[in-house]
Amino acid sequence: MNKKLAYPFKSEYKTQYPYRCFQRQAS
């Protein structure tokens, strides 16, 4: 739980919705 709160956009962002990160960089 602490790990996800520490950096939820580090592992989850790239694993949960990697297409969101790509669209943000491509936009």
PDB file of N, CA and C in Angstrom:
ATOM      1  N   MET A   1       0.839  -1.203   0.000  1.00  0.00           N
ATOM      2  CA  MET A   1       0.000   0.000   0.000  1.00  0.00           C
ATOM      3  C   MET A   1       0.875   1.253   0.000  1.00  0.00           C
ATOM      4  N   ASN A   2       1.907   1.227   0.783  1.00  0.00           N
ATOM      5  CA  ASN A   2       2.809   2.394   0.847  1.00  0.00           C
ATOM      6  C   ASN A   2       3.528   2.587  -0.477  1.00  0.00           C
ATOM      7  N   LYS A   3       3.825   1.484  -1.113  1.00  0.00           N
ATOM      8  CA  LYS A   3       4.553   1.576  -2.401  1.00  0.00           C
ATOM      9  C   LYS A   3       3.681   2.279  -3.445  1.00  0.00           C
ATOM     10  N   LYS A   4       2.423   1.956  -3.489  1.00  0.00           N
ATOM     11  CA  LYS A   4       1.537   2.553  -4.493  1.00  0.00           C
ATOM     12  C   LYS A   4       1.320   4.041  -4.181  1.00  0.00           C
ATOM     13  N   LEU A   5       1.302   4.381  -2.928  1.00  0.00           N
ATOM     14  CA  LEU A   5       1.083   5.788  -2.540  1.00  0.00           C
ATOM     15  C   LEU A   5       2.364   6.588  -2.757  1.00  0.00           C
ATOM     16  N   ALA A   6       3.457   5.896  -2.689  1.00  0.00           N
ATOM     17  CA  ALA A   6       4.760   6.561  -2.850  1.00  0.00           C
ATOM     18  C   ALA A   6       4.949   6.971  -4.312  1.00  0.00           C
ATOM     19  N   TYR A   7       4.637   6.080  -5.200  1.00  0.00           N
ATOM     20  CA  TYR A   7       4.798   6.413  -6.636  1.00  0.00           C
ATOM     21  C   TYR A   7       3.819   5.578  -7.459  1.00  0.00           C
ATOM     22  N   PRO A   8       2.546   5.963  -7.424  1.00  0.00           N
ATOM     23  CA  PRO A   8       1.503   5.246  -8.165  1.00  0.00           C
ATOM     24  C   PRO A   8       1.605   5.505  -9.658  1.00  0.00           C
ATOM     25  N   PHE A   9       2.340   6.523 -10.019  1.00  0.00           N
ATOM     26  CA  PHE A   9       2.463   6.849 -11.457  1.00  0.00           C
ATOM     27  C   PHE A   9       3.789   6.348 -11.997  1.00  0.00           C
ATOM     28  N   LYS A  10       4.487   5.566 -11.207  1.00  0.00           N
ATOM     29  CA  LYS A  10       5.794   5.065 -11.665  1.00  0.00           C
ATOM     30  C   LYS A  10       5.646   3.641 -12.217  1.00  0.00           C
ATOM     31  N   SER A  11       4.952   2.815 -11.483  1.00  0.00           N
ATOM     32  CA  SER A  11       4.795   1.414 -11.923  1.00  0.00           C
ATOM     33  C   SER A  11       3.386   1.206 -12.473  1.00  0.00           C
ATOM     34  N   GLU A  12       2.425   1.781 -11.817  1.00  0.00           N
ATOM     35  CA  GLU A  12       1.044   1.599 -12.264  1.00  0.00           C
ATOM     36  C   GLU A  12       0.773   2.419 -13.531  1.00  0.00           C
ATOM     37  N   TYR A  13       1.266   3.615 -13.568  1.00  0.00           N
ATOM     38  CA  TYR A  13       1.018   4.483 -14.732  1.00  0.00           C
ATOM     39  C   TYR A  13       1.537   3.839 -16.011  1.00  0.00           C
ATOM     40  N   LYS A  14       2.692   3.167 -15.871  1.00  0.00           N
ATOM     41  CA  LYS A  14       3.288   2.561 -17.066  1.00  0.00           C
ATOM     42  C   LYS A  14       2.727   1.158 -17.303  1.00  0.00           C
ATOM     43  N   THR A  15       2.152   0.602 -16.274  1.00  0.00           N
ATOM     44  CA  THR A  15       1.644  -0.792 -16.410  1.00  0.00           C
ATOM     45  C   THR A  15       0.119  -0.793 -16.492  1.00  0.00           C
ATOM     46  N   GLN A  16      -0.510   0.131 -15.803  1.00  0.00           N
ATOM     47  CA  GLN A  16      -1.978   0.183 -15.804  1.00  0.00           C
ATOM     48  C   GLN A  16      -2.485   0.880 -17.070  1.00  0.00           C
ATOM     49  N   TYR A  17      -1.967   2.035 -17.361  1.00  0.00           N
ATOM     50  CA  TYR A  17      -2.401   2.750 -18.573  1.00  0.00           C
ATOM     51  C   TYR A  17      -1.203   3.383 -19.268  1.00  0.00           C
ATOM     52  N   PRO A  18      -0.440   2.577 -19.945  1.00  0.00           N
ATOM     53  CA  PRO A  18       0.747   3.050 -20.671  1.00  0.00           C
ATOM     54  C   PRO A  18       0.338   3.874 -21.895  1.00  0.00           C
ATOM     55  N   TYR A  19      -0.856   3.646 -22.354  1.00  0.00           N
ATOM     56  CA  TYR A  19      -1.333   4.383 -23.537  1.00  0.00           C
ATOM     57  C   TYR A  19      -1.595   5.845 -23.137  1.00  0.00           C
ATOM     58  N   ARG A  20      -1.825   6.089 -21.874  1.00  0.00           N
ATOM     59  CA  ARG A  20      -2.106   7.477 -21.407  1.00  0.00           C
ATOM     60  C   ARG A  20      -0.775   8.257 -21.413  1.00  0.00           C
ATOM     61  N   CYS A  21       0.251   7.594 -21.035  1.00  0.00           N
ATOM     62  CA  CYS A  21       1.569   8.256 -20.975  1.00  0.00           C
ATOM     63  C   CYS A  21       2.027   8.560 -22.408  1.00  0.00           C
ATOM     64  N   PHE A  22       1.727   7.657 -23.291  1.00  0.00           N
ATOM     65  CA  PHE A  22       2.162   7.826 -24.696  1.00  0.00           C
ATOM     66  C   PHE A  22       1.383   8.972 -25.352  1.00  0.00           C
ATOM     67  N   GLN A  23       0.112   9.018 -25.056  1.00  0.00           N
ATOM     68  CA  GLN A  23      -0.730  10.069 -25.671  1.00  0.00           C
ATOM     69  C   GLN A  23      -0.309  11.437 -25.139  1.00  0.00           C
ATOM     70  N   ARG A  24       0.113  11.458 -23.889  1.00  0.00           N
ATOM     71  CA  ARG A  24       0.490  12.764 -23.248  1.00  0.00           C
ATOM     72  C   ARG A  24       1.799  13.242 -23.894  1.00  0.00           C
ATOM     73  N   GLN A  25       2.681  12.360 -24.167  1.00  0.00           N
ATOM     74  CA  GLN A  25       3.981  12.763 -24.753  1.00  0.00           C
ATOM     75  C   GLN A  25       3.792  13.088 -26.242  1.00  0.00           C
ATOM     76  N   ALA A  26       2.881  12.411 -26.871  1.00  0.00           N
ATOM     77  CA  ALA A  26       2.665  12.603 -28.323  1.00  0.00           C
ATOM     78  C   ALA A  26       1.836  13.877 -28.539  1.00  0.00           C
ATOM     79  N   SER A  27       0.989  14.181 -27.613  1.00  0.00           N
ATOM     80  CA  SER A  27       0.139  15.376 -27.760  1.00  0.00           C
ATOM     81  C   SER A  27       0.991  16.623 -27.854  1.00  0.00           C
TER      82      SER A  27
END
